[in-house]
Amino acid sequence: MTMKLQKIDELILKFEQGETSLAEEQELKIFFRQGIVPEKYRVYKDMFEFYTLAVQEEYPDPGFDDRFFENLGVHTGTKTRKLTPYGRYTWWGVAASMIILMGLYLTLFNQQKSIDTYENPEFAYAKTKKVLMMVSGNLNTGMDELSNIKELESGMSELKNIEAFNDGLKSMRKISTLDKTTNFIKQ
């Protein structure tokens, strides 16, 4: 028995390194299919059981999708054409040429010199300050309009009292229904 376990240890080591032959893997599968497997091999037993189940799993027919879409009347249009090595190299060349041309265009024709719009930095500072003050003033007038929202919020809080009144009306409808049934029973 120990001789057999030593051989199993060797096969597992080879299996983990990807060096087993099909016959050796079959031998491992047979060993792990036995009812009683030593505790140190439990992990491998589960793994080989999974492999056995995975091999038995049925896969759909490869033409199933095509028949399915054909019955639906949908044309998939998935005809593919295999590129020859010559055709592949041609497309790689075209792509490389386009990249080179785009690179040249971006470097040569997109160069812009930094141009100062004002000769005097103090004048530029004054202009910038004036523009920023104008933007600030416009933002402040927009904020004044938002003060009306506070009034709207206070009005909404008063509407909660109406909601309580509405709940009372719903209770009254139930009483009204009860009165109608009472009148119906008396008749």
N, C-alpha and C. Protein backbone atom coordinates (compact mmCIF):
# COMPACT_ATOMS: atom_id res chain seq x y z
N MET A 1 0.83 -1.20 0.00
CA MET A 1 0.00 0.00 0.00
C MET A 1 0.87 1.25 0.00
N THR A 2 1.94 1.25 0.80
CA THR A 2 2.82 2.43 0.84
C THR A 2 3.51 2.64 -0.49
N MET A 3 3.81 1.54 -1.21
CA MET A 3 4.43 1.66 -2.53
C MET A 3 3.47 2.37 -3.48
N LYS A 4 2.20 2.02 -3.37
CA LYS A 4 1.19 2.63 -4.23
C LYS A 4 1.02 4.11 -3.89
N LEU A 5 1.04 4.46 -2.60
CA LEU A 5 0.91 5.85 -2.18
C LEU A 5 2.11 6.68 -2.61
N GLN A 6 3.29 6.06 -2.61
CA GLN A 6 4.48 6.77 -3.08
C GLN A 6 4.33 7.10 -4.57
N LYS A 7 3.81 6.14 -5.32
CA LYS A 7 3.61 6.38 -6.75
C LYS A 7 2.57 7.48 -6.97
N ILE A 8 1.50 7.49 -6.14
CA ILE A 8 0.46 8.52 -6.24
C ILE A 8 1.07 9.89 -5.92
N ASP A 9 1.96 9.94 -4.90
CA ASP A 9 2.63 11.20 -4.57
C ASP A 9 3.44 11.70 -5.76
N GLU A 10 4.17 10.80 -6.41
CA GLU A 10 4.97 11.17 -7.58
C GLU A 10 4.07 11.67 -8.71
N LEU A 11 2.97 10.97 -8.95
CA LEU A 11 2.06 11.38 -10.02
C LEU A 11 1.42 12.74 -9.73
N ILE A 12 1.07 12.97 -8.47
CA ILE A 12 0.47 14.27 -8.11
C ILE A 12 1.48 15.39 -8.32
N LEU A 13 2.72 15.14 -7.93
CA LEU A 13 3.76 16.13 -8.14
C LEU A 13 3.94 16.43 -9.63
N LYS A 14 3.95 15.39 -10.45
CA LYS A 14 4.06 15.58 -11.90
C LYS A 14 2.82 16.31 -12.45
N PHE A 15 1.64 15.97 -11.91
CA PHE A 15 0.39 16.60 -12.35
C PHE A 15 0.41 18.09 -12.05
N GLU A 16 0.88 18.46 -10.85
CA GLU A 16 0.93 19.87 -10.48
C GLU A 16 1.91 20.65 -11.36
N GLN A 17 2.93 19.97 -11.87
CA GLN A 17 3.90 20.62 -12.73
C GLN A 17 3.50 20.54 -14.20
N GLY A 18 2.41 19.84 -14.48
CA GLY A 18 1.91 19.73 -15.85
C GLY A 18 2.73 18.78 -16.70
N GLU A 19 3.29 17.76 -16.10
CA GLU A 19 4.16 16.84 -16.83
C GLU A 19 3.59 15.43 -16.94
N THR A 20 2.33 15.23 -16.56
CA THR A 20 1.76 13.87 -16.62
C THR A 20 1.28 13.55 -18.02
N SER A 21 1.31 12.28 -18.34
CA SER A 21 0.73 11.83 -19.60
C SER A 21 -0.75 11.52 -19.36
N LEU A 22 -1.47 11.24 -20.45
CA LEU A 22 -2.89 10.91 -20.30
C LEU A 22 -3.08 9.63 -19.50
N ALA A 23 -2.19 8.67 -19.71
CA ALA A 23 -2.29 7.40 -18.98
C ALA A 23 -2.08 7.62 -17.48
N GLU A 24 -1.13 8.49 -17.12
CA GLU A 24 -0.88 8.76 -15.71
C GLU A 24 -2.05 9.52 -15.08
N GLU A 25 -2.63 10.43 -15.82
CA GLU A 25 -3.81 11.14 -15.32
C GLU A 25 -4.98 10.18 -15.14
N GLN A 26 -5.11 9.24 -16.06
CA GLN A 26 -6.17 8.23 -15.94
C GLN A 26 -5.95 7.39 -14.69
N GLU A 27 -4.70 7.07 -14.39
CA GLU A 27 -4.38 6.30 -13.20
C GLU A 27 -4.76 7.08 -11.94
N LEU A 28 -4.51 8.40 -11.96
CA LEU A 28 -4.91 9.23 -10.83
C LEU A 28 -6.43 9.28 -10.68
N LYS A 29 -7.13 9.38 -11.80
CA LYS A 29 -8.60 9.41 -11.75
C LYS A 29 -9.14 8.13 -11.15
N ILE A 30 -8.57 7.00 -11.56
CA ILE A 30 -9.02 5.71 -11.02
C ILE A 30 -8.76 5.64 -9.53
N PHE A 31 -7.59 6.10 -9.09
CA PHE A 31 -7.26 6.07 -7.67
C PHE A 31 -8.26 6.91 -6.86
N PHE A 32 -8.58 8.10 -7.35
CA PHE A 32 -9.45 8.99 -6.60
C PHE A 32 -10.92 8.61 -6.71
N ARG A 33 -11.28 7.73 -7.63
CA ARG A 33 -12.64 7.24 -7.73
C ARG A 33 -12.94 6.17 -6.69
N GLN A 34 -11.91 5.63 -6.05
CA GLN A 34 -12.10 4.62 -5.01
C GLN A 34 -12.90 5.23 -3.86
N GLY A 35 -13.52 4.41 -3.11
CA GLY A 35 -14.33 4.89 -1.99
C GLY A 35 -13.51 5.50 -0.89
N ILE A 36 -12.43 4.87 -0.48
CA ILE A 36 -11.65 5.35 0.66
C ILE A 36 -10.34 5.93 0.14
N VAL A 37 -10.14 7.21 0.42
CA VAL A 37 -8.92 7.91 0.02
C VAL A 37 -8.32 8.50 1.28
N PRO A 38 -6.99 8.35 1.50
CA PRO A 38 -6.37 8.92 2.70
C PRO A 38 -6.64 10.42 2.83
N GLU A 39 -6.64 10.90 4.06
CA GLU A 39 -7.02 12.28 4.37
C GLU A 39 -6.19 13.31 3.62
N LYS A 40 -4.89 13.05 3.44
CA LYS A 40 -4.05 14.05 2.79
C LYS A 40 -4.36 14.22 1.30
N TYR A 41 -5.14 13.31 0.74
CA TYR A 41 -5.51 13.38 -0.68
C TYR A 41 -6.92 13.89 -0.91
N ARG A 42 -7.63 14.33 0.15
CA ARG A 42 -9.04 14.75 0.01
C ARG A 42 -9.20 15.89 -1.00
N VAL A 43 -8.28 16.85 -0.95
CA VAL A 43 -8.38 17.99 -1.86
C VAL A 43 -8.27 17.53 -3.30
N TYR A 44 -7.35 16.62 -3.56
CA TYR A 44 -7.16 16.12 -4.92
C TYR A 44 -8.35 15.28 -5.36
N LYS A 45 -8.95 14.57 -4.41
CA LYS A 45 -10.12 13.75 -4.75
C LYS A 45 -11.25 14.66 -5.26
N ASP A 46 -11.51 15.75 -4.53
CA ASP A 46 -12.55 16.69 -4.96
C ASP A 46 -12.23 17.28 -6.33
N MET A 47 -10.97 17.61 -6.55
CA MET A 47 -10.56 18.19 -7.83
C MET A 47 -10.78 17.21 -8.97
N PHE A 48 -10.38 15.94 -8.78
CA PHE A 48 -10.54 14.96 -9.85
C PHE A 48 -12.00 14.59 -10.06
N GLU A 49 -12.82 14.63 -9.01
CA GLU A 49 -14.26 14.41 -9.19
C GLU A 49 -14.85 15.54 -10.04
N PHE A 50 -14.39 16.75 -9.80
CA PHE A 50 -14.86 17.87 -10.61
C PHE A 50 -14.47 17.68 -12.07
N TYR A 51 -13.21 17.28 -12.31
CA TYR A 51 -12.77 17.05 -13.69
C TYR A 51 -13.63 15.99 -14.37
N THR A 52 -13.96 14.94 -13.63
CA THR A 52 -14.78 13.86 -14.20
C THR A 52 -16.16 14.38 -14.56
N LEU A 53 -16.75 15.18 -13.67
CA LEU A 53 -18.08 15.75 -13.95
C LEU A 53 -18.03 16.75 -15.10
N ALA A 54 -16.96 17.53 -15.18
CA ALA A 54 -16.84 18.53 -16.24
C ALA A 54 -16.74 17.87 -17.60
N VAL A 55 -16.08 16.73 -17.68
CA VAL A 55 -15.96 16.02 -18.95
C VAL A 55 -17.31 15.47 -19.38
N GLN A 56 -18.13 15.09 -18.41
CA GLN A 56 -19.44 14.50 -18.72
C GLN A 56 -20.48 15.57 -19.05
N GLU A 57 -20.20 16.82 -18.76
CA GLU A 57 -21.16 17.89 -19.00
C GLU A 57 -21.43 18.02 -20.50
N GLU A 58 -22.70 18.18 -20.82
CA GLU A 58 -23.10 18.29 -22.21
C GLU A 58 -23.09 19.75 -22.64
N TYR A 59 -22.55 20.00 -23.79
CA TYR A 59 -22.51 21.34 -24.33
C TYR A 59 -23.53 21.44 -25.46
N PRO A 60 -24.11 22.63 -25.66
CA PRO A 60 -25.09 22.76 -26.73
C PRO A 60 -24.46 22.54 -28.10
N ASP A 61 -25.31 22.17 -29.00
CA ASP A 61 -24.88 21.95 -30.38
C ASP A 61 -24.28 23.24 -30.94
N PRO A 62 -23.13 23.16 -31.61
CA PRO A 62 -22.51 24.38 -32.12
C PRO A 62 -23.39 25.17 -33.09
N GLY A 63 -24.27 24.51 -33.80
CA GLY A 63 -25.14 25.21 -34.75
C GLY A 63 -26.44 25.68 -34.13
N PHE A 64 -26.59 25.51 -32.82
CA PHE A 64 -27.84 25.87 -32.15
C PHE A 64 -28.17 27.34 -32.32
N ASP A 65 -27.20 28.24 -32.12
CA ASP A 65 -27.46 29.67 -32.22
C ASP A 65 -27.93 30.05 -33.62
N ASP A 66 -27.28 29.50 -34.63
CA ASP A 66 -27.66 29.83 -36.01
C ASP A 66 -29.08 29.38 -36.30
N ARG A 67 -29.43 28.15 -35.88
CA ARG A 67 -30.80 27.67 -36.11
C ARG A 67 -31.81 28.50 -35.33
N PHE A 68 -31.46 28.88 -34.10
CA PHE A 68 -32.35 29.67 -33.27
C PHE A 68 -32.66 31.01 -33.92
N PHE A 69 -31.62 31.73 -34.36
CA PHE A 69 -31.84 33.03 -34.99
C PHE A 69 -32.52 32.89 -36.34
N GLU A 70 -32.27 31.80 -37.03
CA GLU A 70 -32.93 31.57 -38.32
C GLU A 70 -34.42 31.37 -38.11
N ASN A 71 -34.81 30.64 -37.05
CA ASN A 71 -36.23 30.45 -36.75
C ASN A 71 -36.90 31.76 -36.33
N LEU A 72 -36.14 32.64 -35.71
CA LEU A 72 -36.70 33.93 -35.33
C LEU A 72 -36.79 34.89 -36.51
N GLY A 73 -36.08 34.55 -37.58
CA GLY A 73 -36.07 35.41 -38.75
C GLY A 73 -35.06 36.54 -38.62
N VAL A 74 -34.07 36.36 -37.77
CA VAL A 74 -33.04 37.37 -37.57
C VAL A 74 -31.80 36.94 -38.31
N HIS A 75 -31.26 37.84 -39.11
CA HIS A 75 -30.04 37.54 -39.84
C HIS A 75 -28.86 38.05 -39.03
N THR A 76 -27.97 37.16 -38.64
CA THR A 76 -26.83 37.57 -37.82
C THR A 76 -25.72 38.16 -38.66
N GLY A 77 -25.57 37.74 -39.87
CA GLY A 77 -24.55 38.29 -40.76
C GLY A 77 -23.15 38.13 -40.22
N THR A 78 -22.83 36.98 -39.74
CA THR A 78 -21.52 36.77 -39.12
C THR A 78 -20.60 35.96 -40.02
N LYS A 79 -20.63 36.25 -41.29
CA LYS A 79 -19.68 35.59 -42.18
C LYS A 79 -18.33 36.23 -41.98
N THR A 80 -17.35 35.41 -41.69
CA THR A 80 -16.01 35.94 -41.48
C THR A 80 -15.11 35.49 -42.62
N ARG A 81 -14.14 36.29 -42.86
CA ARG A 81 -13.20 36.00 -43.92
C ARG A 81 -11.82 35.94 -43.29
N LYS A 82 -11.11 34.90 -43.55
CA LYS A 82 -9.79 34.73 -42.97
C LYS A 82 -8.80 35.55 -43.79
N LEU A 83 -8.00 36.36 -43.07
CA LEU A 83 -7.00 37.17 -43.73
C LEU A 83 -5.76 36.34 -44.02
N THR A 84 -5.25 36.52 -45.18
CA THR A 84 -3.99 35.86 -45.51
C THR A 84 -2.87 36.64 -44.84
N PRO A 85 -1.72 36.03 -44.66
CA PRO A 85 -0.60 36.78 -44.05
C PRO A 85 -0.29 38.06 -44.83
N TYR A 86 -0.39 38.00 -46.17
CA TYR A 86 -0.11 39.18 -46.98
C TYR A 86 -1.12 40.29 -46.66
N GLY A 87 -2.41 39.92 -46.53
CA GLY A 87 -3.45 40.89 -46.23
C GLY A 87 -3.27 41.49 -44.84
N ARG A 88 -2.85 40.65 -43.89
CA ARG A 88 -2.63 41.13 -42.54
C ARG A 88 -1.50 42.16 -42.52
N TYR A 89 -0.41 41.89 -43.20
CA TYR A 89 0.72 42.82 -43.23
C TYR A 89 0.32 44.13 -43.90
N THR A 90 -0.53 44.04 -44.89
CA THR A 90 -0.98 45.25 -45.57
C THR A 90 -1.74 46.14 -44.59
N TRP A 91 -2.64 45.56 -43.83
CA TRP A 91 -3.42 46.36 -42.89
C TRP A 91 -2.55 46.91 -41.77
N TRP A 92 -1.57 46.14 -41.33
CA TRP A 92 -0.65 46.66 -40.31
C TRP A 92 0.13 47.84 -40.87
N GLY A 93 0.52 47.76 -42.11
CA GLY A 93 1.24 48.87 -42.75
C GLY A 93 0.39 50.11 -42.86
N VAL A 94 -0.87 49.94 -43.24
CA VAL A 94 -1.79 51.07 -43.36
C VAL A 94 -1.99 51.72 -41.99
N ALA A 95 -2.17 50.91 -40.96
CA ALA A 95 -2.38 51.44 -39.61
C ALA A 95 -1.13 52.20 -39.14
N ALA A 96 0.04 51.64 -39.38
CA ALA A 96 1.28 52.32 -38.97
C ALA A 96 1.45 53.63 -39.71
N SER A 97 1.13 53.66 -40.99
CA SER A 97 1.23 54.89 -41.77
C SER A 97 0.30 55.96 -41.23
N MET A 98 -0.91 55.58 -40.88
CA MET A 98 -1.88 56.54 -40.33
C MET A 98 -1.38 57.11 -39.01
N ILE A 99 -0.79 56.28 -38.18
CA ILE A 99 -0.28 56.76 -36.89
C ILE A 99 0.86 57.75 -37.11
N ILE A 100 1.75 57.44 -38.04
CA ILE A 100 2.86 58.34 -38.33
C ILE A 100 2.34 59.67 -38.87
N LEU A 101 1.38 59.64 -39.79
CA LEU A 101 0.82 60.87 -40.35
C LEU A 101 0.13 61.72 -39.29
N MET A 102 -0.62 61.07 -38.41
CA MET A 102 -1.29 61.82 -37.34
C MET A 102 -0.27 62.45 -36.41
N GLY A 103 0.80 61.73 -36.10
CA GLY A 103 1.84 62.27 -35.24
C GLY A 103 2.51 63.48 -35.87
N LEU A 104 2.82 63.39 -37.16
CA LEU A 104 3.43 64.53 -37.86
C LEU A 104 2.50 65.73 -37.87
N TYR A 105 1.23 65.49 -38.13
CA TYR A 105 0.26 66.59 -38.18
C TYR A 105 0.18 67.29 -36.82
N LEU A 106 0.08 66.49 -35.76
CA LEU A 106 -0.06 67.09 -34.43
C LEU A 106 1.19 67.85 -34.02
N THR A 107 2.35 67.39 -34.43
CA THR A 107 3.57 68.09 -34.01
C THR A 107 3.89 69.29 -34.89
N LEU A 108 3.69 69.20 -36.19
CA LEU A 108 4.09 70.28 -37.09
C LEU A 108 3.04 71.38 -37.22
N PHE A 109 1.78 71.01 -37.38
CA PHE A 109 0.75 72.00 -37.70
C PHE A 109 0.02 72.53 -36.48
N ASN A 110 0.20 71.92 -35.34
CA ASN A 110 -0.51 72.37 -34.15
C ASN A 110 0.39 73.15 -33.21
N GLN A 111 1.54 73.56 -33.64
CA GLN A 111 2.42 74.32 -32.78
C GLN A 111 1.96 75.77 -32.77
N GLN A 112 1.61 76.25 -31.61
CA GLN A 112 1.20 77.64 -31.46
C GLN A 112 2.14 78.31 -30.48
N LYS A 113 2.56 79.49 -30.82
CA LYS A 113 3.43 80.23 -29.93
C LYS A 113 2.58 80.90 -28.87
N SER A 114 3.14 80.99 -27.69
CA SER A 114 2.46 81.67 -26.61
C SER A 114 2.53 83.16 -26.87
N ILE A 115 1.39 83.79 -27.02
CA ILE A 115 1.34 85.21 -27.35
C ILE A 115 0.69 85.95 -26.20
N ASP A 116 1.36 86.96 -25.68
CA ASP A 116 0.76 87.80 -24.65
C ASP A 116 -0.18 88.78 -25.33
N THR A 117 -1.34 88.96 -24.74
CA THR A 117 -2.29 89.88 -25.34
C THR A 117 -2.07 91.30 -24.87
N TYR A 118 -1.42 91.48 -23.73
CA TYR A 118 -1.15 92.80 -23.19
C TYR A 118 0.35 92.96 -22.97
N GLU A 119 0.86 94.09 -23.35
CA GLU A 119 2.28 94.37 -23.15
C GLU A 119 2.55 94.75 -21.69
N ASN A 120 1.62 95.46 -21.09
CA ASN A 120 1.79 95.94 -19.72
C ASN A 120 1.12 94.97 -18.75
N PRO A 121 1.87 94.33 -17.83
CA PRO A 121 1.26 93.38 -16.89
C PRO A 121 0.29 94.04 -15.92
N GLU A 122 0.51 95.31 -15.56
CA GLU A 122 -0.40 96.00 -14.64
C GLU A 122 -1.76 96.23 -15.30
N PHE A 123 -1.73 96.56 -16.58
CA PHE A 123 -2.97 96.75 -17.32
C PHE A 123 -3.73 95.41 -17.42
N ALA A 124 -3.02 94.30 -17.67
CA ALA A 124 -3.63 92.98 -17.74
C ALA A 124 -4.26 92.60 -16.40
N TYR A 125 -3.57 92.93 -15.29
CA TYR A 125 -4.10 92.64 -13.96
C TYR A 125 -5.38 93.42 -13.71
N ALA A 126 -5.38 94.70 -14.10
CA ALA A 126 -6.56 95.54 -13.90
C ALA A 126 -7.74 95.01 -14.71
N LYS A 127 -7.49 94.60 -15.94
CA LYS A 127 -8.57 94.05 -16.80
C LYS A 127 -9.13 92.77 -16.20
N THR A 128 -8.24 91.91 -15.73
CA THR A 128 -8.67 90.64 -15.14
C THR A 128 -9.50 90.89 -13.89
N LYS A 129 -9.05 91.82 -13.07
CA LYS A 129 -9.79 92.15 -11.84
C LYS A 129 -11.18 92.66 -12.18
N LYS A 130 -11.28 93.50 -13.21
CA LYS A 130 -12.58 94.05 -13.62
C LYS A 130 -13.53 92.93 -14.07
N VAL A 131 -13.01 91.98 -14.86
CA VAL A 131 -13.84 90.86 -15.35
C VAL A 131 -14.28 89.99 -14.19
N LEU A 132 -13.40 89.69 -13.27
CA LEU A 132 -13.75 88.84 -12.12
C LEU A 132 -14.77 89.52 -11.22
N MET A 133 -14.67 90.85 -11.05
CA MET A 133 -15.67 91.58 -10.26
C MET A 133 -17.04 91.52 -10.92
N MET A 134 -17.06 91.62 -12.25
CA MET A 134 -18.33 91.54 -12.97
C MET A 134 -18.96 90.16 -12.78
N VAL A 135 -18.16 89.09 -12.88
CA VAL A 135 -18.67 87.73 -12.69
C VAL A 135 -19.18 87.55 -11.26
N SER A 136 -18.44 88.08 -10.29
CA SER A 136 -18.85 87.99 -8.89
C SER A 136 -20.17 88.70 -8.66
N GLY A 137 -20.34 89.87 -9.26
CA GLY A 137 -21.60 90.61 -9.12
C GLY A 137 -22.77 89.83 -9.70
N ASN A 138 -22.57 89.20 -10.84
CA ASN A 138 -23.64 88.41 -11.45
C ASN A 138 -24.01 87.21 -10.58
N LEU A 139 -23.01 86.58 -9.98
CA LEU A 139 -23.30 85.45 -9.10
C LEU A 139 -24.07 85.89 -7.86
N ASN A 140 -23.72 87.05 -7.33
CA ASN A 140 -24.41 87.55 -6.13
C ASN A 140 -25.87 87.87 -6.42
N THR A 141 -26.19 88.43 -7.58
CA THR A 141 -27.60 88.72 -7.90
C THR A 141 -28.37 87.42 -8.05
N GLY A 142 -27.72 86.37 -8.54
CA GLY A 142 -28.39 85.07 -8.65
C GLY A 142 -28.68 84.48 -7.28
N MET A 143 -27.80 84.74 -6.30
CA MET A 143 -28.00 84.23 -4.95
C MET A 143 -29.17 84.92 -4.26
N ASP A 144 -29.42 86.21 -4.57
CA ASP A 144 -30.54 86.93 -3.97
C ASP A 144 -31.87 86.28 -4.33
N GLU A 145 -31.95 85.78 -5.53
CA GLU A 145 -33.20 85.14 -5.98
C GLU A 145 -33.47 83.85 -5.20
N LEU A 146 -32.43 83.22 -4.67
CA LEU A 146 -32.61 81.98 -3.94
C LEU A 146 -33.23 82.19 -2.56
N SER A 147 -33.27 83.41 -2.08
CA SER A 147 -33.87 83.68 -0.77
C SER A 147 -35.37 83.37 -0.78
N ASN A 148 -36.01 83.43 -1.94
CA ASN A 148 -37.43 83.13 -2.05
C ASN A 148 -37.72 81.65 -1.75
N ILE A 149 -36.71 80.82 -1.88
CA ILE A 149 -36.91 79.39 -1.62
C ILE A 149 -37.22 79.15 -0.15
N LYS A 150 -36.66 79.97 0.75
CA LYS A 150 -36.94 79.81 2.18
C LYS A 150 -38.43 80.03 2.45
N GLU A 151 -39.03 80.99 1.79
CA GLU A 151 -40.46 81.22 1.95
C GLU A 151 -41.26 80.03 1.46
N LEU A 152 -40.82 79.43 0.38
CA LEU A 152 -41.50 78.25 -0.15
C LEU A 152 -41.41 77.10 0.84
N GLU A 153 -40.26 76.93 1.47
CA GLU A 153 -40.10 75.86 2.45
C GLU A 153 -41.02 76.05 3.64
N SER A 154 -41.21 77.28 4.11
CA SER A 154 -42.11 77.52 5.25
C SER A 154 -43.55 77.21 4.85
N GLY A 155 -43.93 77.51 3.63
CA GLY A 155 -45.27 77.18 3.16
C GLY A 155 -45.48 75.68 3.08
N MET A 156 -44.45 74.96 2.70
CA MET A 156 -44.55 73.50 2.61
C MET A 156 -44.74 72.87 3.99
N SER A 157 -44.12 73.45 5.02
CA SER A 157 -44.29 72.90 6.36
C SER A 157 -45.74 73.07 6.83
N GLU A 158 -46.41 74.15 6.42
CA GLU A 158 -47.81 74.35 6.78
C GLU A 158 -48.71 73.34 6.07
N LEU A 159 -48.27 72.84 4.92
CA LEU A 159 -49.07 71.86 4.20
C LEU A 159 -49.12 70.51 4.93
N LYS A 160 -48.20 70.29 5.86
CA LYS A 160 -48.23 69.04 6.62
C LYS A 160 -49.48 68.97 7.48
N ASN A 161 -49.98 70.12 7.93
CA ASN A 161 -51.22 70.15 8.69
C ASN A 161 -52.38 69.68 7.82
N ILE A 162 -52.36 70.03 6.54
CA ILE A 162 -53.41 69.59 5.62
C ILE A 162 -53.35 68.09 5.44
N GLU A 163 -52.16 67.53 5.50
CA GLU A 163 -52.01 66.08 5.37
C GLU A 163 -52.69 65.37 6.53
N ALA A 164 -52.57 65.91 7.73
CA ALA A 164 -53.25 65.32 8.89
C ALA A 164 -54.77 65.41 8.70
N PHE A 165 -55.25 66.53 8.16
CA PHE A 165 -56.67 66.69 7.88
C PHE A 165 -57.14 65.64 6.87
N ASN A 166 -56.32 65.38 5.85
CA ASN A 166 -56.64 64.38 4.83
C ASN A 166 -56.75 62.99 5.45
N ASP A 167 -55.88 62.67 6.42
CA ASP A 167 -55.98 61.37 7.11
C ASP A 167 -57.31 61.25 7.86
N GLY A 168 -57.76 62.37 8.44
CA GLY A 168 -59.06 62.36 9.14
C GLY A 168 -60.19 62.12 8.16
N LEU A 169 -60.12 62.69 6.97
CA LEU A 169 -61.16 62.49 5.96
C LEU A 169 -61.22 61.03 5.52
N LYS A 170 -60.07 60.39 5.43
CA LYS A 170 -60.06 58.97 5.06
C LYS A 170 -60.78 58.14 6.11
N SER A 171 -60.61 58.47 7.38
CA SER A 171 -61.31 57.76 8.46
C SER A 171 -62.81 57.99 8.36
N MET A 172 -63.20 59.18 7.97
CA MET A 172 -64.62 59.50 7.82
C MET A 172 -65.25 58.70 6.69
N ARG A 173 -64.48 58.43 5.62
CA ARG A 173 -65.02 57.62 4.52
C ARG A 173 -65.36 56.21 4.99
N LYS A 174 -64.53 55.69 5.88
CA LYS A 174 -64.82 54.34 6.42
C LYS A 174 -66.12 54.35 7.21
N ILE A 175 -66.35 55.42 7.98
CA ILE A 175 -67.60 55.54 8.75
C ILE A 175 -68.77 55.69 7.81
N SER A 176 -68.59 56.44 6.74
CA SER A 176 -69.66 56.64 5.75
C SER A 176 -70.04 55.30 5.12
N THR A 177 -69.06 54.47 4.82
CA THR A 177 -69.33 53.15 4.25
C THR A 177 -70.09 52.29 5.26
N LEU A 178 -69.72 52.38 6.52
CA LEU A 178 -70.41 51.63 7.56
C LEU A 178 -71.87 52.08 7.67
N ASP A 179 -72.11 53.40 7.59
CA ASP A 179 -73.48 53.91 7.64
C ASP A 179 -74.30 53.39 6.47
N LYS A 180 -73.73 53.35 5.29
CA LYS A 180 -74.45 52.88 4.10
C LYS A 180 -74.83 51.41 4.27
N THR A 181 -73.91 50.59 4.81
CA THR A 181 -74.24 49.18 5.00
C THR A 181 -75.30 49.01 6.08
N THR A 182 -75.27 49.85 7.10
CA THR A 182 -76.28 49.77 8.15
C THR A 182 -77.66 50.09 7.59
N ASN A 183 -77.75 51.13 6.77
CA ASN A 183 -79.00 51.50 6.13
C ASN A 183 -79.49 50.40 5.20
N PHE A 184 -78.58 49.76 4.50
CA PHE A 184 -78.94 48.68 3.59
C PHE A 184 -79.50 47.48 4.35
N ILE A 185 -78.91 47.19 5.51
CA ILE A 185 -79.37 46.05 6.31
C ILE A 185 -80.76 46.33 6.89
N LYS A 186 -81.03 47.57 7.30
CA LYS A 186 -82.33 47.92 7.89
C LYS A 186 -83.44 47.81 6.86
N GLN A 187 -83.16 47.98 5.62
CA GLN A 187 -84.21 47.94 4.59
C GLN A 187 -84.62 46.57 4.36
